[in-house]
């Protein structure tokens, strides 16, 4: 993993996401594997019916992520700040306005699951605040 980029909170995120009633409802049809690249550190999330089934740190080439999000470490640090700067507070704000924040792969699948994905990333932000 990248130096100075703490991802130990991902286990807490998994618990939080899997216990979230709203995600359980809006994520009923959300089943995929997607990745998030925190600078040079890549993490894959296997999702089944809105539940985080597995978190794979530094996945190998045989982990097929349908889509992913990638941004430099500095962008993620702003996203996970206690009070993020304007446009860094929300997944869709970053997609639309932060050029360093990139959707990779099949963006159609990401947008077909936009509501569940938005909720999941909000829960990820809540779990990561102050830990990154």
N, C-alpha and C. Protein backbone atom coordinates (compact mmCIF):
# COMPACT_ATOMS: atom_id res chain seq x y z
N UNK A 1 0.82 -1.18 0.00
CA UNK A 1 0.00 0.00 0.00
C UNK A 1 0.87 1.24 0.00
N UNK A 2 0.27 2.34 -0.41
CA UNK A 2 1.00 3.60 -0.47
C UNK A 2 1.39 4.06 0.92
N UNK A 3 2.53 4.70 1.00
CA UNK A 3 2.97 5.25 2.26
C UNK A 3 2.00 6.33 2.72
N UNK A 4 1.79 6.41 4.01
CA UNK A 4 0.97 7.46 4.62
C UNK A 4 -0.49 7.46 4.19
N UNK A 5 -0.97 6.40 3.58
CA UNK A 5 -2.39 6.34 3.23
C UNK A 5 -3.01 5.18 3.97
N UNK A 6 -3.63 5.48 5.09
CA UNK A 6 -4.17 4.48 5.99
C UNK A 6 -5.53 3.98 5.49
N UNK A 7 -5.65 2.70 5.23
CA UNK A 7 -6.92 2.11 4.81
C UNK A 7 -7.44 1.09 5.83
N UNK A 8 -6.94 1.16 7.05
CA UNK A 8 -7.37 0.20 8.07
C UNK A 8 -8.85 0.34 8.42
N UNK A 9 -9.46 1.44 8.10
CA UNK A 9 -10.86 1.71 8.39
C UNK A 9 -11.81 1.00 7.42
N UNK A 10 -11.30 0.35 6.38
CA UNK A 10 -12.18 -0.30 5.40
C UNK A 10 -13.01 -1.42 6.03
N UNK A 11 -12.50 -2.09 7.04
CA UNK A 11 -13.29 -3.11 7.74
C UNK A 11 -14.50 -2.48 8.42
N UNK A 12 -14.31 -1.31 9.00
CA UNK A 12 -15.42 -0.57 9.62
C UNK A 12 -16.43 -0.15 8.55
N UNK A 13 -15.92 0.28 7.40
CA UNK A 13 -16.81 0.63 6.29
C UNK A 13 -17.67 -0.58 5.90
N UNK A 14 -17.05 -1.75 5.78
CA UNK A 14 -17.79 -2.95 5.39
C UNK A 14 -18.92 -3.24 6.39
N UNK A 15 -18.62 -3.16 7.67
CA UNK A 15 -19.65 -3.40 8.70
C UNK A 15 -20.77 -2.37 8.59
N UNK A 16 -20.38 -1.12 8.43
CA UNK A 16 -21.33 -0.01 8.34
C UNK A 16 -22.23 -0.18 7.11
N UNK A 17 -21.64 -0.51 5.98
CA UNK A 17 -22.41 -0.68 4.74
C UNK A 17 -23.36 -1.87 4.85
N UNK A 18 -22.89 -2.96 5.39
CA UNK A 18 -23.71 -4.17 5.47
C UNK A 18 -24.84 -4.05 6.50
N UNK A 19 -24.71 -3.12 7.43
CA UNK A 19 -25.76 -2.90 8.43
C UNK A 19 -26.72 -1.78 8.03
N UNK A 20 -26.45 -1.10 6.93
CA UNK A 20 -27.23 0.07 6.54
C UNK A 20 -28.55 -0.33 5.88
N UNK A 21 -29.65 0.05 6.49
CA UNK A 21 -30.98 -0.32 5.98
C UNK A 21 -31.26 0.30 4.61
N UNK A 22 -30.89 1.57 4.45
CA UNK A 22 -31.13 2.25 3.17
C UNK A 22 -30.39 1.55 2.04
N UNK A 23 -29.13 1.23 2.27
CA UNK A 23 -28.35 0.53 1.25
C UNK A 23 -28.94 -0.84 0.97
N UNK A 24 -29.45 -1.49 1.99
CA UNK A 24 -30.09 -2.79 1.80
C UNK A 24 -31.28 -2.72 0.86
N UNK A 25 -31.99 -1.59 0.88
CA UNK A 25 -33.15 -1.41 0.01
C UNK A 25 -32.72 -0.99 -1.39
N UNK A 26 -31.95 0.11 -1.49
CA UNK A 26 -31.59 0.63 -2.81
C UNK A 26 -30.55 -0.25 -3.50
N UNK A 27 -29.86 -1.10 -2.74
CA UNK A 27 -28.82 -1.95 -3.32
C UNK A 27 -29.25 -3.35 -3.65
N UNK A 28 -30.54 -3.63 -3.57
CA UNK A 28 -31.03 -4.99 -3.79
C UNK A 28 -30.53 -5.61 -5.09
N UNK A 29 -30.39 -4.81 -6.14
CA UNK A 29 -29.96 -5.31 -7.45
C UNK A 29 -28.51 -4.93 -7.76
N UNK A 30 -27.80 -4.36 -6.79
CA UNK A 30 -26.43 -3.91 -7.00
C UNK A 30 -25.47 -5.05 -6.69
N UNK A 31 -25.03 -5.74 -7.73
CA UNK A 31 -24.08 -6.85 -7.60
C UNK A 31 -23.00 -6.68 -8.66
N UNK A 32 -21.78 -6.46 -8.23
CA UNK A 32 -20.67 -6.24 -9.15
C UNK A 32 -19.37 -6.27 -8.36
N UNK A 33 -18.29 -6.08 -9.06
CA UNK A 33 -17.00 -5.79 -8.42
C UNK A 33 -16.53 -4.48 -9.01
N UNK A 34 -16.20 -3.53 -8.14
CA UNK A 34 -15.65 -2.27 -8.62
C UNK A 34 -14.39 -1.97 -7.83
N UNK A 35 -13.58 -1.07 -8.37
CA UNK A 35 -12.31 -0.75 -7.72
C UNK A 35 -12.25 0.73 -7.38
N UNK A 36 -11.43 1.04 -6.41
CA UNK A 36 -11.12 2.41 -6.06
C UNK A 36 -9.60 2.49 -5.96
N UNK A 37 -9.03 3.43 -6.70
CA UNK A 37 -7.59 3.66 -6.63
C UNK A 37 -7.34 4.92 -5.81
N UNK A 38 -6.78 4.72 -4.62
CA UNK A 38 -6.40 5.80 -3.73
C UNK A 38 -4.95 6.14 -4.05
N UNK A 39 -4.73 7.03 -5.00
CA UNK A 39 -3.37 7.25 -5.48
C UNK A 39 -2.90 5.98 -6.15
N UNK A 40 -1.79 5.42 -5.70
CA UNK A 40 -1.26 4.19 -6.31
C UNK A 40 -1.79 2.93 -5.64
N UNK A 41 -2.61 3.07 -4.62
CA UNK A 41 -3.17 1.92 -3.92
C UNK A 41 -4.54 1.59 -4.49
N UNK A 42 -4.69 0.38 -4.98
CA UNK A 42 -5.96 -0.05 -5.58
C UNK A 42 -6.64 -1.05 -4.65
N UNK A 43 -7.95 -0.86 -4.49
CA UNK A 43 -8.76 -1.75 -3.66
C UNK A 43 -9.97 -2.15 -4.48
N UNK A 44 -10.32 -3.44 -4.48
CA UNK A 44 -11.51 -3.92 -5.19
C UNK A 44 -12.56 -4.31 -4.17
N UNK A 45 -13.80 -4.00 -4.50
CA UNK A 45 -14.94 -4.28 -3.62
C UNK A 45 -15.89 -5.21 -4.35
N UNK A 46 -16.09 -6.41 -3.80
CA UNK A 46 -17.05 -7.35 -4.37
C UNK A 46 -18.39 -7.12 -3.68
N UNK A 47 -19.39 -6.74 -4.46
CA UNK A 47 -20.71 -6.39 -3.94
C UNK A 47 -21.72 -7.42 -4.42
N UNK A 48 -22.56 -7.90 -3.52
CA UNK A 48 -23.64 -8.83 -3.86
C UNK A 48 -24.93 -8.33 -3.21
N UNK A 49 -25.88 -7.96 -4.04
CA UNK A 49 -27.17 -7.46 -3.56
C UNK A 49 -27.02 -6.33 -2.54
N UNK A 50 -26.09 -5.41 -2.85
CA UNK A 50 -25.89 -4.25 -1.99
C UNK A 50 -25.05 -4.49 -0.76
N UNK A 51 -24.54 -5.70 -0.59
CA UNK A 51 -23.69 -6.02 0.56
C UNK A 51 -22.23 -6.12 0.12
N UNK A 52 -21.34 -5.59 0.93
CA UNK A 52 -19.91 -5.69 0.65
C UNK A 52 -19.47 -7.08 1.10
N UNK A 53 -19.29 -7.96 0.13
CA UNK A 53 -18.93 -9.35 0.43
C UNK A 53 -17.43 -9.52 0.69
N UNK A 54 -16.64 -8.75 -0.05
CA UNK A 54 -15.18 -8.91 0.08
C UNK A 54 -14.50 -7.61 -0.30
N UNK A 55 -13.42 -7.29 0.42
CA UNK A 55 -12.56 -6.15 0.10
C UNK A 55 -11.19 -6.72 -0.19
N UNK A 56 -10.70 -6.47 -1.39
CA UNK A 56 -9.42 -7.03 -1.83
C UNK A 56 -8.40 -5.90 -1.99
N UNK A 57 -7.39 -5.89 -1.12
CA UNK A 57 -6.33 -4.89 -1.19
C UNK A 57 -5.32 -5.30 -2.26
N UNK A 58 -4.91 -4.33 -3.06
CA UNK A 58 -3.93 -4.56 -4.13
C UNK A 58 -4.28 -5.80 -4.95
N UNK A 59 -5.48 -5.84 -5.55
CA UNK A 59 -5.89 -7.02 -6.31
C UNK A 59 -5.00 -7.25 -7.52
N UNK A 60 -4.87 -8.50 -7.88
CA UNK A 60 -4.06 -8.89 -9.04
C UNK A 60 -4.88 -8.72 -10.31
N UNK A 61 -4.27 -9.03 -11.44
CA UNK A 61 -4.91 -8.88 -12.74
C UNK A 61 -6.14 -9.76 -12.92
N UNK A 62 -6.26 -10.83 -12.15
CA UNK A 62 -7.38 -11.75 -12.32
C UNK A 62 -8.65 -11.30 -11.58
N UNK A 63 -8.59 -10.17 -10.87
CA UNK A 63 -9.79 -9.61 -10.24
C UNK A 63 -10.39 -8.64 -11.25
N UNK A 64 -11.54 -9.02 -11.77
CA UNK A 64 -12.18 -8.24 -12.83
C UNK A 64 -13.12 -7.20 -12.22
N UNK A 65 -12.71 -5.95 -12.24
CA UNK A 65 -13.55 -4.86 -11.77
C UNK A 65 -14.28 -4.27 -12.98
N UNK A 66 -15.60 -4.20 -12.91
CA UNK A 66 -16.40 -3.70 -14.02
C UNK A 66 -16.19 -2.21 -14.22
N UNK A 67 -16.07 -1.47 -13.14
CA UNK A 67 -15.78 -0.04 -13.20
C UNK A 67 -14.97 0.32 -11.97
N UNK A 68 -14.47 1.53 -11.96
CA UNK A 68 -13.70 1.96 -10.80
C UNK A 68 -13.59 3.47 -10.74
N UNK A 69 -13.12 3.94 -9.62
CA UNK A 69 -12.84 5.36 -9.42
C UNK A 69 -11.36 5.49 -9.12
N UNK A 70 -10.76 6.51 -9.72
CA UNK A 70 -9.33 6.73 -9.52
C UNK A 70 -9.09 8.21 -9.29
N UNK A 71 -8.25 8.51 -8.32
CA UNK A 71 -7.88 9.89 -8.05
C UNK A 71 -6.57 9.90 -7.28
N UNK A 72 -5.82 11.00 -7.40
CA UNK A 72 -4.60 11.13 -6.60
C UNK A 72 -4.94 11.15 -5.10
N UNK A 73 -3.97 10.83 -4.32
CA UNK A 73 -4.14 10.78 -2.87
C UNK A 73 -4.69 12.09 -2.31
N UNK A 74 -4.25 13.21 -2.85
CA UNK A 74 -4.68 14.52 -2.35
C UNK A 74 -6.18 14.73 -2.52
N UNK A 75 -6.75 14.22 -3.61
CA UNK A 75 -8.19 14.32 -3.83
C UNK A 75 -8.94 13.52 -2.77
N UNK A 76 -8.47 12.29 -2.53
CA UNK A 76 -9.13 11.46 -1.52
C UNK A 76 -8.99 12.07 -0.13
N UNK A 77 -7.87 12.68 0.18
CA UNK A 77 -7.70 13.31 1.49
C UNK A 77 -8.72 14.43 1.69
N UNK A 78 -9.02 15.16 0.63
CA UNK A 78 -10.05 16.20 0.72
C UNK A 78 -11.43 15.57 0.90
N UNK A 79 -11.71 14.49 0.18
CA UNK A 79 -13.00 13.80 0.28
C UNK A 79 -13.23 13.30 1.71
N UNK A 80 -12.18 12.79 2.34
CA UNK A 80 -12.28 12.21 3.68
C UNK A 80 -12.02 13.22 4.80
N UNK A 81 -11.89 14.50 4.46
CA UNK A 81 -11.68 15.53 5.48
C UNK A 81 -12.94 15.70 6.33
N UNK A 82 -12.75 16.11 7.57
CA UNK A 82 -13.89 16.36 8.47
C UNK A 82 -14.87 17.34 7.82
N UNK A 83 -14.33 18.42 7.26
CA UNK A 83 -15.14 19.39 6.52
C UNK A 83 -14.49 19.53 5.14
N UNK A 84 -14.97 18.76 4.17
CA UNK A 84 -14.33 18.79 2.85
C UNK A 84 -14.55 20.13 2.14
N UNK A 85 -13.60 20.53 1.30
CA UNK A 85 -13.79 21.74 0.52
C UNK A 85 -14.97 21.56 -0.45
N UNK A 86 -15.51 22.66 -0.96
CA UNK A 86 -16.59 22.55 -1.94
C UNK A 86 -16.21 21.59 -3.07
N UNK A 87 -17.17 20.81 -3.51
CA UNK A 87 -17.07 19.82 -4.59
C UNK A 87 -16.40 18.52 -4.19
N UNK A 88 -15.79 18.45 -3.03
CA UNK A 88 -15.13 17.22 -2.58
C UNK A 88 -15.99 16.45 -1.57
N UNK A 89 -17.18 16.91 -1.32
CA UNK A 89 -18.05 16.33 -0.29
C UNK A 89 -18.90 15.17 -0.80
N UNK A 90 -18.94 14.98 -2.13
CA UNK A 90 -19.93 14.08 -2.71
C UNK A 90 -19.38 13.41 -3.96
N UNK A 91 -19.72 12.14 -4.13
CA UNK A 91 -19.27 11.37 -5.29
C UNK A 91 -19.61 12.06 -6.61
N UNK A 92 -20.86 12.47 -6.78
CA UNK A 92 -21.27 13.05 -8.06
C UNK A 92 -20.67 14.43 -8.30
N UNK A 93 -20.48 15.20 -7.26
CA UNK A 93 -19.80 16.49 -7.41
C UNK A 93 -18.38 16.27 -7.93
N UNK A 94 -17.71 15.26 -7.40
CA UNK A 94 -16.34 14.99 -7.85
C UNK A 94 -16.33 14.46 -9.28
N UNK A 95 -17.27 13.58 -9.62
CA UNK A 95 -17.33 13.06 -10.99
C UNK A 95 -17.49 14.21 -11.98
N UNK A 96 -18.37 15.16 -11.65
CA UNK A 96 -18.69 16.24 -12.59
C UNK A 96 -17.68 17.37 -12.61
N UNK A 97 -17.02 17.64 -11.49
CA UNK A 97 -16.24 18.88 -11.40
C UNK A 97 -14.75 18.73 -11.06
N UNK A 98 -14.34 17.58 -10.60
CA UNK A 98 -12.92 17.41 -10.22
C UNK A 98 -12.25 16.58 -11.31
N UNK A 99 -11.44 17.23 -12.14
CA UNK A 99 -10.89 16.54 -13.32
C UNK A 99 -9.97 15.38 -12.96
N UNK A 100 -9.35 15.42 -11.78
CA UNK A 100 -8.46 14.33 -11.37
C UNK A 100 -9.22 13.09 -10.90
N UNK A 101 -10.52 13.24 -10.66
CA UNK A 101 -11.36 12.12 -10.22
C UNK A 101 -11.95 11.48 -11.47
N UNK A 102 -11.59 10.23 -11.71
CA UNK A 102 -11.91 9.58 -12.98
C UNK A 102 -12.71 8.31 -12.76
N UNK A 103 -13.74 8.12 -13.60
CA UNK A 103 -14.43 6.83 -13.65
C UNK A 103 -13.73 6.00 -14.70
N UNK A 104 -13.34 4.80 -14.33
CA UNK A 104 -12.68 3.88 -15.27
C UNK A 104 -13.62 2.73 -15.58
N UNK A 105 -13.47 2.13 -16.74
CA UNK A 105 -14.27 0.95 -17.07
C UNK A 105 -15.66 1.31 -17.55
N UNK A 106 -16.64 0.48 -17.21
CA UNK A 106 -18.00 0.60 -17.72
C UNK A 106 -18.81 1.58 -16.86
N UNK A 107 -18.80 2.85 -17.26
CA UNK A 107 -19.52 3.86 -16.49
C UNK A 107 -21.03 3.65 -16.55
N UNK A 108 -21.53 2.95 -17.58
CA UNK A 108 -22.96 2.66 -17.66
C UNK A 108 -23.40 1.82 -16.46
N UNK A 109 -22.63 0.80 -16.13
CA UNK A 109 -22.96 -0.05 -14.98
C UNK A 109 -22.94 0.78 -13.70
N UNK A 110 -21.96 1.66 -13.58
CA UNK A 110 -21.89 2.53 -12.40
C UNK A 110 -23.15 3.38 -12.29
N UNK A 111 -23.58 3.98 -13.40
CA UNK A 111 -24.74 4.86 -13.36
C UNK A 111 -26.06 4.10 -13.25
N UNK A 112 -26.10 2.87 -13.72
CA UNK A 112 -27.30 2.05 -13.53
C UNK A 112 -27.53 1.75 -12.05
N UNK A 113 -26.47 1.82 -11.28
CA UNK A 113 -26.53 1.57 -9.84
C UNK A 113 -26.22 2.83 -9.05
N UNK A 114 -26.53 3.98 -9.63
CA UNK A 114 -26.11 5.27 -9.07
C UNK A 114 -26.58 5.48 -7.64
N UNK A 115 -27.82 5.16 -7.34
CA UNK A 115 -28.35 5.42 -5.99
C UNK A 115 -27.63 4.57 -4.95
N UNK A 116 -27.46 3.30 -5.23
CA UNK A 116 -26.77 2.42 -4.28
C UNK A 116 -25.29 2.80 -4.18
N UNK A 117 -24.68 3.11 -5.30
CA UNK A 117 -23.27 3.50 -5.31
C UNK A 117 -23.06 4.80 -4.54
N UNK A 118 -23.96 5.75 -4.73
CA UNK A 118 -23.89 7.02 -4.01
C UNK A 118 -23.97 6.78 -2.50
N UNK A 119 -24.90 5.94 -2.07
CA UNK A 119 -25.05 5.63 -0.65
C UNK A 119 -23.81 4.93 -0.11
N UNK A 120 -23.27 3.99 -0.90
CA UNK A 120 -22.09 3.25 -0.48
C UNK A 120 -20.89 4.18 -0.30
N UNK A 121 -20.71 5.10 -1.23
CA UNK A 121 -19.58 6.03 -1.14
C UNK A 121 -19.76 7.02 0.02
N UNK A 122 -21.00 7.37 0.33
CA UNK A 122 -21.26 8.22 1.49
C UNK A 122 -20.87 7.48 2.77
N UNK A 123 -21.23 6.22 2.86
CA UNK A 123 -20.86 5.41 4.02
C UNK A 123 -19.34 5.23 4.09
N UNK A 124 -18.70 5.09 2.93
CA UNK A 124 -17.24 4.98 2.90
C UNK A 124 -16.62 6.27 3.44
N UNK A 125 -17.15 7.41 3.00
CA UNK A 125 -16.63 8.70 3.48
C UNK A 125 -16.80 8.81 4.99
N UNK A 126 -17.97 8.43 5.51
CA UNK A 126 -18.21 8.50 6.95
C UNK A 126 -17.22 7.63 7.72
N UNK A 127 -16.93 6.45 7.22
CA UNK A 127 -16.00 5.53 7.90
C UNK A 127 -14.56 6.04 7.81
N UNK A 128 -14.23 6.74 6.73
CA UNK A 128 -12.86 7.17 6.53
C UNK A 128 -12.51 8.53 7.10
N UNK A 129 -13.51 9.32 7.50
CA UNK A 129 -13.24 10.67 8.03
C UNK A 129 -12.25 10.58 9.19
N UNK A 130 -11.19 11.36 9.07
CA UNK A 130 -10.19 11.42 10.14
C UNK A 130 -9.23 10.25 10.17
N UNK A 131 -9.41 9.29 9.29
CA UNK A 131 -8.54 8.10 9.28
C UNK A 131 -7.57 8.07 8.11
N UNK A 132 -7.75 8.94 7.16
CA UNK A 132 -6.92 8.91 5.95
C UNK A 132 -5.76 9.87 6.11
